[in-house]
Amino acid sequence: MTDGGRRAILAAALANMGIAVAKFVAFLVTGASSMLAESVHSVADTANQGLLILGGHRAARPPTDEHPFGFGRERYFWAFIVALVLFSMGAVFAVYEGVERLRHPAPIVDPAWAVGVLLASMGLEAFSLRTAMSAANEVRGGARWWDFIRRSKSPEIPVVLLEDVGALLGLLMALIAVTLSIVTGDARFDGFGSIAIGLLLGGIAWVMAVEMKSLLLGEAASEKRQAEIRDALEGHPEVVHVIHMRTEHLGPDELLVAAKLEFVRDRSVGELAALIDDVESRLRERVPIARVVYIEPDIRRGGSGG
């Protein structure tokens, strides 16, 4: 996990812990359903950061006989749990609470508490989002934000970005719901706000689950990274041609590379073995995340690789 990723997770965790406490106090004072939904949302977000830290810690374990390629995908697994369980549970709870409030409307007591806490929470979430965006800018290059979230091989920063954006939108929905309930005197707006927050969380959970599922199944290196690998292989003076190549992420910072290469002819077995070792060393030097490398010598047939 990068320093930027740790910084983003820590900022989000600290912000969400403070926000969760403030929202629960505001709910106890006001009885606003949307405040309760937002309180559960912040508790879920805080737990999310804990799971991301756990995933990073467990992924750092060395390989074992049972898991010879290491545990890098633990980071994907725990990010998937964040999406599948915590966000989904928060979404279901918020929708349920909203429906209950529509069935049994109750006026909001002392609404100034709710408005004040929501505005303060928006400030803290904006700080957390700014930290996450700063960390993302260190690694996203010129990619658009949505492309970065879709294509990033490191789950932590995209997850925190989605959480923070979702939190700010949820707070805005809660603020609108509470304000409408106060202005109109109709407590049902509070219930509608809670339902809207639940649907928002469900949508974010779906996006996260789809992306983490793809990473868990195994994704190839980016096109840019594959070009770097191909250049490193073909740049060796004894390599004639890369017949074909396959890559797969074993974790955000661990890449498996399997390549079939055509070498110069008339080399003994011993010389060929030494060449393969040299090619692997050259590749790891150029692309440090290429941790597991398999090179197979072959000859092109009919202009294509087999």
C-alpha atoms as a PDB file:
ATOM      1  CA  MET A   1       0.000   0.000   0.000  1.00  0.00           C
ATOM      2  CA  THR A   2       1.369   3.428  -0.920  1.00  0.00           C
ATOM      3  CA  ASP A   3       1.944   6.199   1.612  1.00  0.00           C
ATOM      4  CA  GLY A   4      -0.780   8.183  -0.158  1.00  0.00           C
ATOM      5  CA  GLY A   5      -3.216   5.304   0.273  1.00  0.00           C
ATOM      6  CA  ARG A   6      -2.464   5.012   3.999  1.00  0.00           C
ATOM      7  CA  ARG A   7      -2.833   8.768   4.403  1.00  0.00           C
ATOM      8  CA  ALA A   8      -6.201   8.762   2.643  1.00  0.00           C
ATOM      9  CA  ILE A   9      -7.493   5.844   4.745  1.00  0.00           C
ATOM     10  CA  LEU A  10      -6.344   7.434   8.010  1.00  0.00           C
ATOM     11  CA  ALA A  11      -7.907  10.802   7.148  1.00  0.00           C
ATOM     12  CA  ALA A  12     -11.187   9.125   6.209  1.00  0.00           C
ATOM     13  CA  ALA A  13     -11.220   6.981   9.373  1.00  0.00           C
ATOM     14  CA  LEU A  14     -10.610   9.918  11.712  1.00  0.00           C
ATOM     15  CA  ALA A  15     -13.210  12.067   9.954  1.00  0.00           C
ATOM     16  CA  ASN A  16     -15.837   9.321   9.981  1.00  0.00           C
ATOM     17  CA  MET A  17     -15.351   8.447  13.653  1.00  0.00           C
ATOM     18  CA  GLY A  18     -15.964  12.044  14.688  1.00  0.00           C
ATOM     19  CA  ILE A  19     -18.844  12.440  12.262  1.00  0.00           C
ATOM     20  CA  ALA A  20     -20.551   9.218  13.441  1.00  0.00           C
ATOM     21  CA  VAL A  21     -20.564  10.369  17.068  1.00  0.00           C
ATOM     22  CA  ALA A  22     -21.915  13.816  16.151  1.00  0.00           C
ATOM     23  CA  LYS A  23     -24.659  12.346  13.951  1.00  0.00           C
ATOM     24  CA  PHE A  24     -25.810   9.915  16.646  1.00  0.00           C
ATOM     25  CA  VAL A  25     -26.057  12.764  19.147  1.00  0.00           C
ATOM     26  CA  ALA A  26     -28.020  14.806  16.618  1.00  0.00           C
ATOM     27  CA  PHE A  27     -30.355  11.860  15.982  1.00  0.00           C
ATOM     28  CA  LEU A  28     -30.991  11.373  19.705  1.00  0.00           C
ATOM     29  CA  VAL A  29     -31.826  15.062  20.040  1.00  0.00           C
ATOM     30  CA  THR A  30     -33.898  15.508  16.871  1.00  0.00           C
ATOM     31  CA  GLY A  31     -35.286  12.034  16.140  1.00  0.00           C
ATOM     32  CA  ALA A  32     -34.658  12.632  12.409  1.00  0.00           C
ATOM     33  CA  SER A  33     -34.689   9.430  10.381  1.00  0.00           C
ATOM     34  CA  SER A  34     -32.238  10.774   7.815  1.00  0.00           C
ATOM     35  CA  MET A  35     -29.824  11.572  10.658  1.00  0.00           C
ATOM     36  CA  LEU A  36     -29.987   7.967  11.847  1.00  0.00           C
ATOM     37  CA  ALA A  37     -29.370   6.729   8.303  1.00  0.00           C
ATOM     38  CA  GLU A  38     -26.359   9.030   8.039  1.00  0.00           C
ATOM     39  CA  SER A  39     -25.110   7.856  11.442  1.00  0.00           C
ATOM     40  CA  VAL A  40     -25.127   4.234  10.297  1.00  0.00           C
ATOM     41  CA  HIS A  41     -23.499   5.359   7.054  1.00  0.00           C
ATOM     42  CA  SER A  42     -20.586   6.922   8.978  1.00  0.00           C
ATOM     43  CA  VAL A  43     -20.200   3.871  11.231  1.00  0.00           C
ATOM     44  CA  ALA A  44     -20.050   1.688   8.110  1.00  0.00           C
ATOM     45  CA  ASP A  45     -17.465   3.994   6.540  1.00  0.00           C
ATOM     46  CA  THR A  46     -15.300   3.824   9.674  1.00  0.00           C
ATOM     47  CA  ALA A  47     -15.468   0.031   9.632  1.00  0.00           C
ATOM     48  CA  ASN A  48     -14.608   0.124   5.924  1.00  0.00           C
ATOM     49  CA  GLN A  49     -11.320   1.873   6.626  1.00  0.00           C
ATOM     50  CA  GLY A  50     -10.520  -0.724   9.276  1.00  0.00           C
ATOM     51  CA  LEU A  51     -11.067  -3.522   6.775  1.00  0.00           C
ATOM     52  CA  LEU A  52      -8.885  -1.803   4.163  1.00  0.00           C
ATOM     53  CA  ILE A  53      -6.066  -1.518   6.703  1.00  0.00           C
ATOM     54  CA  LEU A  54      -6.564  -5.185   7.642  1.00  0.00           C
ATOM     55  CA  GLY A  55      -6.373  -6.173   3.982  1.00  0.00           C
ATOM     56  CA  GLY A  56      -3.129  -4.259   3.494  1.00  0.00           C
ATOM     57  CA  HIS A  57      -1.613  -5.904   6.576  1.00  0.00           C
ATOM     58  CA  ARG A  58      -2.589  -9.442   5.581  1.00  0.00           C
ATOM     59  CA  ALA A  59      -1.480  -8.939   1.977  1.00  0.00           C
ATOM     60  CA  ALA A  60       2.057  -8.230   3.183  1.00  0.00           C
ATOM     61  CA  ARG A  61       2.544 -11.803   4.456  1.00  0.00           C
ATOM     62  CA  PRO A  62       5.270 -13.810   2.682  1.00  0.00           C
ATOM     63  CA  PRO A  63       4.330 -16.686   0.322  1.00  0.00           C
ATOM     64  CA  THR A  64       3.711 -20.131   1.771  1.00  0.00           C
ATOM     65  CA  ASP A  65       3.622 -23.640   0.319  1.00  0.00           C
ATOM     66  CA  GLU A  66      -0.175 -23.405   0.182  1.00  0.00           C
ATOM     67  CA  HIS A  67      -0.104 -19.924  -1.362  1.00  0.00           C
ATOM     68  CA  PRO A  68       3.119 -19.826  -3.404  1.00  0.00           C
ATOM     69  CA  PHE A  69       2.191 -16.555  -5.146  1.00  0.00           C
ATOM     70  CA  GLY A  70       1.628 -14.742  -1.861  1.00  0.00           C
ATOM     71  CA  PHE A  71      -1.426 -12.946  -0.475  1.00  0.00           C
ATOM     72  CA  GLY A  72      -1.573  -9.773  -2.557  1.00  0.00           C
ATOM     73  CA  ARG A  73      -5.213 -10.345  -3.492  1.00  0.00           C
ATOM     74  CA  GLU A  74      -6.254 -10.045   0.160  1.00  0.00           C
ATOM     75  CA  ARG A  75      -6.453  -6.306  -0.522  1.00  0.00           C
ATOM     76  CA  TYR A  76      -9.053  -6.979  -3.214  1.00  0.00           C
ATOM     77  CA  PHE A  77     -10.946  -9.438  -1.022  1.00  0.00           C
ATOM     78  CA  TRP A  78     -11.397  -7.060   1.900  1.00  0.00           C
ATOM     79  CA  ALA A  79     -12.350  -4.214  -0.427  1.00  0.00           C
ATOM     80  CA  PHE A  80     -14.984  -6.559  -1.889  1.00  0.00           C
ATOM     81  CA  ILE A  81     -16.282  -7.260   1.638  1.00  0.00           C
ATOM     82  CA  VAL A  82     -16.523  -3.496   2.182  1.00  0.00           C
ATOM     83  CA  ALA A  83     -18.768  -3.243  -0.865  1.00  0.00           C
ATOM     84  CA  LEU A  84     -20.782  -6.410  -0.414  1.00  0.00           C
ATOM     85  CA  VAL A  85     -21.538  -6.310   3.293  1.00  0.00           C
ATOM     86  CA  LEU A  86     -21.035  -2.928   4.943  1.00  0.00           C
ATOM     87  CA  PHE A  87     -22.284  -0.652   2.174  1.00  0.00           C
ATOM     88  CA  SER A  88     -25.154  -2.990   1.374  1.00  0.00           C
ATOM     89  CA  MET A  89     -26.150  -3.280   5.029  1.00  0.00           C
ATOM     90  CA  GLY A  90     -26.043   0.501   5.353  1.00  0.00           C
ATOM     91  CA  ALA A  91     -28.187   0.831   2.249  1.00  0.00           C
ATOM     92  CA  VAL A  92     -30.776  -1.692   3.428  1.00  0.00           C
ATOM     93  CA  PHE A  93     -30.967  -0.114   6.883  1.00  0.00           C
ATOM     94  CA  ALA A  94     -31.410   3.392   5.463  1.00  0.00           C
ATOM     95  CA  VAL A  95     -34.209   2.308   3.126  1.00  0.00           C
ATOM     96  CA  TYR A  96     -35.941   0.373   5.918  1.00  0.00           C
ATOM     97  CA  GLU A  97     -35.723   3.325   8.297  1.00  0.00           C
ATOM     98  CA  GLY A  98     -37.068   5.647   5.595  1.00  0.00           C
ATOM     99  CA  VAL A  99     -40.048   3.402   4.879  1.00  0.00           C
ATOM    100  CA  GLU A 100     -40.807   3.206   8.602  1.00  0.00           C
ATOM    101  CA  ARG A 101     -40.716   6.991   8.839  1.00  0.00           C
ATOM    102  CA  LEU A 102     -43.152   7.257   5.907  1.00  0.00           C
ATOM    103  CA  ARG A 103     -45.497   4.831   7.660  1.00  0.00           C
ATOM    104  CA  HIS A 104     -45.183   6.594  11.019  1.00  0.00           C
ATOM    105  CA  PRO A 105     -44.245  10.270  10.447  1.00  0.00           C
ATOM    106  CA  ALA A 106     -42.864  12.133  13.451  1.00  0.00           C
ATOM    107  CA  PRO A 107     -41.851  15.798  13.644  1.00  0.00           C
ATOM    108  CA  ILE A 108     -38.174  16.743  13.927  1.00  0.00           C
ATOM    109  CA  VAL A 109     -37.367  18.144  17.368  1.00  0.00           C
ATOM    110  CA  ASP A 110     -34.757  20.934  17.720  1.00  0.00           C
ATOM    111  CA  PRO A 111     -33.799  20.918  14.012  1.00  0.00           C
ATOM    112  CA  ALA A 112     -30.897  23.340  14.545  1.00  0.00           C
ATOM    113  CA  TRP A 113     -28.915  20.398  15.906  1.00  0.00           C
ATOM    114  CA  ALA A 114     -29.437  18.394  12.738  1.00  0.00           C
ATOM    115  CA  VAL A 115     -28.545  21.271  10.419  1.00  0.00           C
ATOM    116  CA  GLY A 116     -25.443  22.208  12.428  1.00  0.00           C
ATOM    117  CA  VAL A 117     -24.107  18.649  12.560  1.00  0.00           C
ATOM    118  CA  LEU A 118     -24.771  18.091   8.869  1.00  0.00           C
ATOM    119  CA  LEU A 119     -22.909  21.250   7.879  1.00  0.00           C
ATOM    120  CA  ALA A 120     -19.968  20.389  10.147  1.00  0.00           C
ATOM    121  CA  SER A 121     -19.920  16.841   8.770  1.00  0.00           C
ATOM    122  CA  MET A 122     -19.811  18.152   5.218  1.00  0.00           C
ATOM    123  CA  GLY A 123     -16.707  20.161   6.119  1.00  0.00           C
ATOM    124  CA  LEU A 124     -14.964  17.101   7.583  1.00  0.00           C
ATOM    125  CA  GLU A 125     -15.924  14.912   4.638  1.00  0.00           C
ATOM    126  CA  ALA A 126     -14.664  17.562   2.228  1.00  0.00           C
ATOM    127  CA  PHE A 127     -11.307  17.450   4.047  1.00  0.00           C
ATOM    128  CA  SER A 128     -11.220  13.657   3.745  1.00  0.00           C
ATOM    129  CA  LEU A 129     -12.121  13.825   0.043  1.00  0.00           C
ATOM    130  CA  ARG A 130      -9.410  16.422  -0.580  1.00  0.00           C
ATOM    131  CA  THR A 131      -6.844  14.115   1.063  1.00  0.00           C
ATOM    132  CA  ALA A 132      -8.003  11.170  -1.062  1.00  0.00           C
ATOM    133  CA  MET A 133      -7.881  13.253  -4.242  1.00  0.00           C
ATOM    134  CA  SER A 134      -4.358  14.412  -3.392  1.00  0.00           C
ATOM    135  CA  ALA A 135      -3.266  10.783  -2.927  1.00  0.00           C
ATOM    136  CA  ALA A 136      -4.968   9.794  -6.192  1.00  0.00           C
ATOM    137  CA  ASN A 137      -3.232  12.593  -8.098  1.00  0.00           C
ATOM    138  CA  GLU A 138       0.120  11.043  -7.164  1.00  0.00           C
ATOM    139  CA  VAL A 139      -0.666   7.902  -9.179  1.00  0.00           C
ATOM    140  CA  ARG A 140      -3.477   8.574 -11.658  1.00  0.00           C
ATOM    141  CA  GLY A 141      -1.400  10.570 -14.158  1.00  0.00           C
ATOM    142  CA  GLY A 142      -3.639  12.165 -16.771  1.00  0.00           C
ATOM    143  CA  ALA A 143      -6.503   9.693 -16.401  1.00  0.00           C
ATOM    144  CA  ARG A 144     -10.013  11.006 -15.854  1.00  0.00           C
ATOM    145  CA  TRP A 145     -11.429  10.362 -12.404  1.00  0.00           C
ATOM    146  CA  TRP A 146     -13.919   7.730 -13.515  1.00  0.00           C
ATOM    147  CA  ASP A 147     -11.267   5.968 -15.598  1.00  0.00           C
ATOM    148  CA  PHE A 148      -8.922   6.008 -12.610  1.00  0.00           C
ATOM    149  CA  ILE A 149     -11.554   4.370 -10.398  1.00  0.00           C
ATOM    150  CA  ARG A 150     -12.319   1.786 -13.095  1.00  0.00           C
ATOM    151  CA  ARG A 151      -8.713   0.975 -14.055  1.00  0.00           C
ATOM    152  CA  SER A 152      -6.775   1.332 -10.808  1.00  0.00           C
ATOM    153  CA  LYS A 153      -5.184  -1.910  -9.605  1.00  0.00           C
ATOM    154  CA  SER A 154      -4.893  -0.564  -6.060  1.00  0.00           C
ATOM    155  CA  PRO A 155      -8.299  -0.723  -4.324  1.00  0.00           C
ATOM    156  CA  GLU A 156      -7.802   1.578  -1.349  1.00  0.00           C
ATOM    157  CA  ILE A 157      -7.815   5.044  -2.911  1.00  0.00           C
ATOM    158  CA  PRO A 158     -10.755   4.370  -5.302  1.00  0.00           C
ATOM    159  CA  VAL A 159     -12.762   2.922  -2.391  1.00  0.00           C
ATOM    160  CA  VAL A 160     -12.062   5.967  -0.196  1.00  0.00           C
ATOM    161  CA  LEU A 161     -12.896   8.305  -3.092  1.00  0.00           C
ATOM    162  CA  LEU A 162     -16.249   6.573  -3.637  1.00  0.00           C
ATOM    163  CA  GLU A 163     -16.948   6.605   0.106  1.00  0.00           C
ATOM    164  CA  ASP A 164     -16.206  10.308   0.449  1.00  0.00           C
ATOM    165  CA  VAL A 165     -18.214  11.322  -2.612  1.00  0.00           C
ATOM    166  CA  GLY A 166     -21.082   9.142  -1.412  1.00  0.00           C
ATOM    167  CA  ALA A 167     -20.836  10.643   2.081  1.00  0.00           C
ATOM    168  CA  LEU A 168     -20.989  14.220   0.786  1.00  0.00           C
ATOM    169  CA  LEU A 169     -23.972  13.422  -1.443  1.00  0.00           C
ATOM    170  CA  GLY A 170     -25.674  11.605   1.437  1.00  0.00           C
ATOM    171  CA  LEU A 171     -25.148  14.582   3.740  1.00  0.00           C
ATOM    172  CA  LEU A 172     -26.585  16.904   1.111  1.00  0.00           C
ATOM    173  CA  MET A 173     -29.636  14.633   0.767  1.00  0.00           C
ATOM    174  CA  ALA A 174     -30.093  14.578   4.538  1.00  0.00           C
ATOM    175  CA  LEU A 175     -29.780  18.368   4.737  1.00  0.00           C
ATOM    176  CA  ILE A 176     -32.372  18.829   1.991  1.00  0.00           C
ATOM    177  CA  ALA A 177     -34.726  16.317   3.657  1.00  0.00           C
ATOM    178  CA  VAL A 178     -34.439  17.922   7.086  1.00  0.00           C
ATOM    179  CA  THR A 179     -34.867  21.432   5.645  1.00  0.00           C
ATOM    180  CA  LEU A 180     -37.978  20.432   3.692  1.00  0.00           C
ATOM    181  CA  SER A 181     -39.430  18.750   6.774  1.00  0.00           C
ATOM    182  CA  ILE A 182     -38.873  21.925   8.788  1.00  0.00           C
ATOM    183  CA  VAL A 183     -40.173  24.349   6.137  1.00  0.00           C
ATOM    184  CA  THR A 184     -43.250  22.343   5.126  1.00  0.00           C
ATOM    185  CA  GLY A 185     -44.006  20.736   8.459  1.00  0.00           C
ATOM    186  CA  ASP A 186     -44.306  17.398   6.616  1.00  0.00           C
ATOM    187  CA  ALA A 187     -42.130  14.770   8.361  1.00  0.00           C
ATOM    188  CA  ARG A 188     -42.409  12.446   5.380  1.00  0.00           C
ATOM    189  CA  PHE A 189     -39.636  14.376   3.632  1.00  0.00           C
ATOM    190  CA  ASP A 190     -37.328  13.009   6.337  1.00  0.00           C
ATOM    191  CA  GLY A 191     -38.313   9.473   5.314  1.00  0.00           C
ATOM    192  CA  PHE A 192     -37.786  10.228   1.633  1.00  0.00           C
ATOM    193  CA  GLY A 193     -34.303  11.529   2.498  1.00  0.00           C
ATOM    194  CA  SER A 194     -33.429   8.312   4.305  1.00  0.00           C
ATOM    195  CA  ILE A 195     -34.602   6.225   1.336  1.00  0.00           C
ATOM    196  CA  ALA A 196     -32.561   8.383  -1.069  1.00  0.00           C
ATOM    197  CA  ILE A 197     -29.459   7.848   1.080  1.00  0.00           C
ATOM    198  CA  GLY A 198     -30.065   4.100   1.043  1.00  0.00           C
ATOM    199  CA  LEU A 199     -30.378   4.024  -2.756  1.00  0.00           C
ATOM    200  CA  LEU A 200     -27.184   6.072  -3.060  1.00  0.00           C
ATOM    201  CA  LEU A 201     -25.286   3.623  -0.844  1.00  0.00           C
ATOM    202  CA  GLY A 202     -26.663   0.703  -2.813  1.00  0.00           C
ATOM    203  CA  GLY A 203     -25.456   2.231  -6.070  1.00  0.00           C
ATOM    204  CA  ILE A 204     -21.960   2.810  -4.693  1.00  0.00           C
ATOM    205  CA  ALA A 205     -21.895  -0.732  -3.294  1.00  0.00           C
ATOM    206  CA  TRP A 206     -22.745  -2.097  -6.742  1.00  0.00           C
ATOM    207  CA  VAL A 207     -19.972  -0.154  -8.490  1.00  0.00           C
ATOM    208  CA  MET A 208     -17.416  -1.214  -5.888  1.00  0.00           C
ATOM    209  CA  ALA A 209     -18.473  -4.863  -5.959  1.00  0.00           C
ATOM    210  CA  VAL A 210     -18.223  -5.054  -9.767  1.00  0.00           C
ATOM    211  CA  GLU A 211     -14.742  -3.501  -9.806  1.00  0.00           C
ATOM    212  CA  MET A 212     -13.410  -5.642  -6.945  1.00  0.00           C
ATOM    213  CA  LYS A 213     -14.864  -8.801  -8.501  1.00  0.00           C
ATOM    214  CA  SER A 214     -12.918  -8.094 -11.688  1.00  0.00           C
ATOM    215  CA  LEU A 215      -9.686  -7.656  -9.721  1.00  0.00           C
ATOM    216  CA  LEU A 216     -10.321 -10.805  -7.680  1.00  0.00           C
ATOM    217  CA  LEU A 217     -10.820 -12.841 -10.856  1.00  0.00           C
ATOM    218  CA  GLY A 218      -7.501 -11.530 -12.158  1.00  0.00           C
ATOM    219  CA  GLU A 219      -6.846  -8.568 -14.425  1.00  0.00           C
ATOM    220  CA  ALA A 220      -4.042  -8.107 -16.923  1.00  0.00           C
ATOM    221  CA  ALA A 221      -1.545  -5.281 -16.564  1.00  0.00           C
ATOM    222  CA  SER A 222      -2.530  -1.948 -18.083  1.00  0.00           C
ATOM    223  CA  GLU A 223      -1.683  -1.318 -21.719  1.00  0.00           C
ATOM    224  CA  LYS A 224       1.053   1.098 -20.654  1.00  0.00           C
ATOM    225  CA  ARG A 225       2.579  -1.505 -18.328  1.00  0.00           C
ATOM    226  CA  GLN A 226       2.372  -4.220 -20.978  1.00  0.00           C
ATOM    227  CA  ALA A 227       4.195  -1.942 -23.408  1.00  0.00           C
ATOM    228  CA  GLU A 228       6.950  -1.411 -20.809  1.00  0.00           C
ATOM    229  CA  ILE A 229       7.280  -5.178 -20.349  1.00  0.00           C
ATOM    230  CA  ARG A 230       7.391  -5.834 -24.087  1.00  0.00           C
ATOM    231  CA  ASP A 231      10.012  -3.115 -24.566  1.00  0.00           C
ATOM    232  CA  ALA A 232      12.166  -4.614 -21.796  1.00  0.00           C
ATOM    233  CA  LEU A 233      11.950  -8.078 -23.354  1.00  0.00           C
ATOM    234  CA  GLU A 234      12.527  -7.024 -26.953  1.00  0.00           C
ATOM    235  CA  GLY A 235      15.287  -4.646 -25.902  1.00  0.00           C
ATOM    236  CA  HIS A 236      17.524  -7.552 -24.912  1.00  0.00           C
ATOM    237  CA  PRO A 237      20.153  -8.078 -27.637  1.00  0.00           C
ATOM    238  CA  GLU A 238      19.610 -11.858 -27.708  1.00  0.00           C
ATOM    239  CA  VAL A 239      15.801 -11.699 -28.066  1.00  0.00           C
ATOM    240  CA  VAL A 240      14.595 -11.751 -31.657  1.00  0.00           C
ATOM    241  CA  HIS A 241      10.865 -11.463 -31.029  1.00  0.00           C
ATOM    242  CA  VAL A 242       8.164 -11.690 -28.347  1.00  0.00           C
ATOM    243  CA  ILE A 243       5.922 -14.411 -29.760  1.00  0.00           C
ATOM    244  CA  HIS A 244       3.222 -13.859 -27.157  1.00  0.00           C
ATOM    245  CA  MET A 245       2.867 -12.597 -23.627  1.00  0.00           C
ATOM    246  CA  ARG A 246       0.364 -12.895 -20.778  1.00  0.00           C
ATOM    247  CA  THR A 247       0.167 -10.819 -17.596  1.00  0.00           C
ATOM    248  CA  GLU A 248      -1.968 -11.002 -14.469  1.00  0.00           C
ATOM    249  CA  HIS A 249      -2.043  -8.986 -11.272  1.00  0.00           C
ATOM    250  CA  LEU A 250      -1.422 -11.140  -8.193  1.00  0.00           C
ATOM    251  CA  GLY A 251      -1.995  -7.986  -6.166  1.00  0.00           C
ATOM    252  CA  PRO A 252      -1.850  -4.227  -6.736  1.00  0.00           C
ATOM    253  CA  ASP A 253       1.974  -4.238  -6.653  1.00  0.00           C
ATOM    254  CA  GLU A 254       2.664  -7.787  -7.835  1.00  0.00           C
ATOM    255  CA  LEU A 255       2.545  -8.920 -11.442  1.00  0.00           C
ATOM    256  CA  LEU A 256       2.861 -12.349 -13.028  1.00  0.00           C
ATOM    257  CA  VAL A 257       4.434 -12.298 -16.501  1.00  0.00           C
ATOM    258  CA  ALA A 258       4.529 -15.309 -18.814  1.00  0.00           C
ATOM    259  CA  ALA A 259       6.147 -14.858 -22.228  1.00  0.00           C
ATOM    260  CA  LYS A 260       7.157 -17.028 -25.159  1.00  0.00           C
ATOM    261  CA  LEU A 261      10.302 -15.577 -26.752  1.00  0.00           C
ATOM    262  CA  GLU A 262      12.289 -16.274 -29.864  1.00  0.00           C
ATOM    263  CA  PHE A 263      16.003 -16.087 -29.098  1.00  0.00           C
ATOM    264  CA  VAL A 264      18.951 -15.968 -31.459  1.00  0.00           C
ATOM    265  CA  ARG A 265      19.698 -19.409 -32.917  1.00  0.00           C
ATOM    266  CA  ASP A 266      22.544 -21.819 -32.243  1.00  0.00           C
ATOM    267  CA  ARG A 267      22.702 -21.502 -28.477  1.00  0.00           C
ATOM    268  CA  SER A 268      23.396 -24.448 -26.200  1.00  0.00           C
ATOM    269  CA  VAL A 269      20.987 -25.397 -23.422  1.00  0.00           C
ATOM    270  CA  GLY A 270      23.298 -23.879 -20.846  1.00  0.00           C
ATOM    271  CA  GLU A 271      23.656 -20.656 -22.815  1.00  0.00           C
ATOM    272  CA  LEU A 272      19.886 -20.464 -23.304  1.00  0.00           C
ATOM    273  CA  ALA A 273      19.289 -20.941 -19.573  1.00  0.00           C
ATOM    274  CA  ALA A 274      21.729 -18.126 -18.819  1.00  0.00           C
ATOM    275  CA  LEU A 275      19.988 -15.909 -21.399  1.00  0.00           C
ATOM    276  CA  ILE A 276      16.585 -16.539 -19.811  1.00  0.00           C
ATOM    277  CA  ASP A 277      17.966 -15.606 -16.384  1.00  0.00           C
ATOM    278  CA  ASP A 278      19.421 -12.412 -17.845  1.00  0.00           C
ATOM    279  CA  VAL A 279      16.136 -11.507 -19.559  1.00  0.00           C
ATOM    280  CA  GLU A 280      14.206 -12.039 -16.301  1.00  0.00           C
ATOM    281  CA  SER A 281      16.706  -9.898 -14.381  1.00  0.00           C
ATOM    282  CA  ARG A 282      16.467  -7.140 -16.999  1.00  0.00           C
ATOM    283  CA  LEU A 283      12.652  -7.231 -16.864  1.00  0.00           C
ATOM    284  CA  ARG A 284      12.513  -7.001 -13.064  1.00  0.00           C
ATOM    285  CA  GLU A 285      14.911  -4.076 -13.153  1.00  0.00           C
ATOM    286  CA  ARG A 286      12.765  -2.195 -15.685  1.00  0.00           C
ATOM    287  CA  VAL A 287       9.399  -3.230 -14.208  1.00  0.00           C
ATOM    288  CA  PRO A 288       9.880  -3.864 -10.450  1.00  0.00           C
ATOM    289  CA  ILE A 289       6.326  -5.120  -9.869  1.00  0.00           C
ATOM    290  CA  ALA A 290       7.011  -8.070 -12.228  1.00  0.00           C
ATOM    291  CA  ARG A 291       7.589 -10.399  -9.280  1.00  0.00           C
ATOM    292  CA  VAL A 292       6.804 -13.755 -10.917  1.00  0.00           C
ATOM    293  CA  VAL A 293       8.260 -14.254 -14.412  1.00  0.00           C
ATOM    294  CA  TYR A 294       8.114 -17.326 -16.642  1.00  0.00           C
ATOM    295  CA  ILE A 295      10.044 -17.274 -19.935  1.00  0.00           C
ATOM    296  CA  GLU A 296       9.664 -20.032 -22.548  1.00  0.00           C
ATOM    297  CA  PRO A 297      11.955 -20.149 -25.603  1.00  0.00           C
ATOM    298  CA  ASP A 298      10.257 -20.988 -28.906  1.00  0.00           C
ATOM    299  CA  ILE A 299      10.427 -20.400 -32.649  1.00  0.00           C
ATOM    300  CA  ARG A 300       7.916 -18.425 -34.667  1.00  0.00           C
ATOM    301  CA  ARG A 301       5.989 -20.508 -37.145  1.00  0.00           C
ATOM    302  CA  GLY A 302       4.225 -18.922 -40.102  1.00  0.00           C
ATOM    303  CA  GLY A 303       4.710 -15.406 -38.722  1.00  0.00           C
ATOM    304  CA  SER A 304       2.677 -15.949 -35.502  1.00  0.00           C
ATOM    305  CA  GLY A 305       3.227 -17.445 -32.129  1.00  0.00           C
ATOM    306  CA  GLY A 306       1.760 -20.661 -30.812  1.00  0.00           C
END
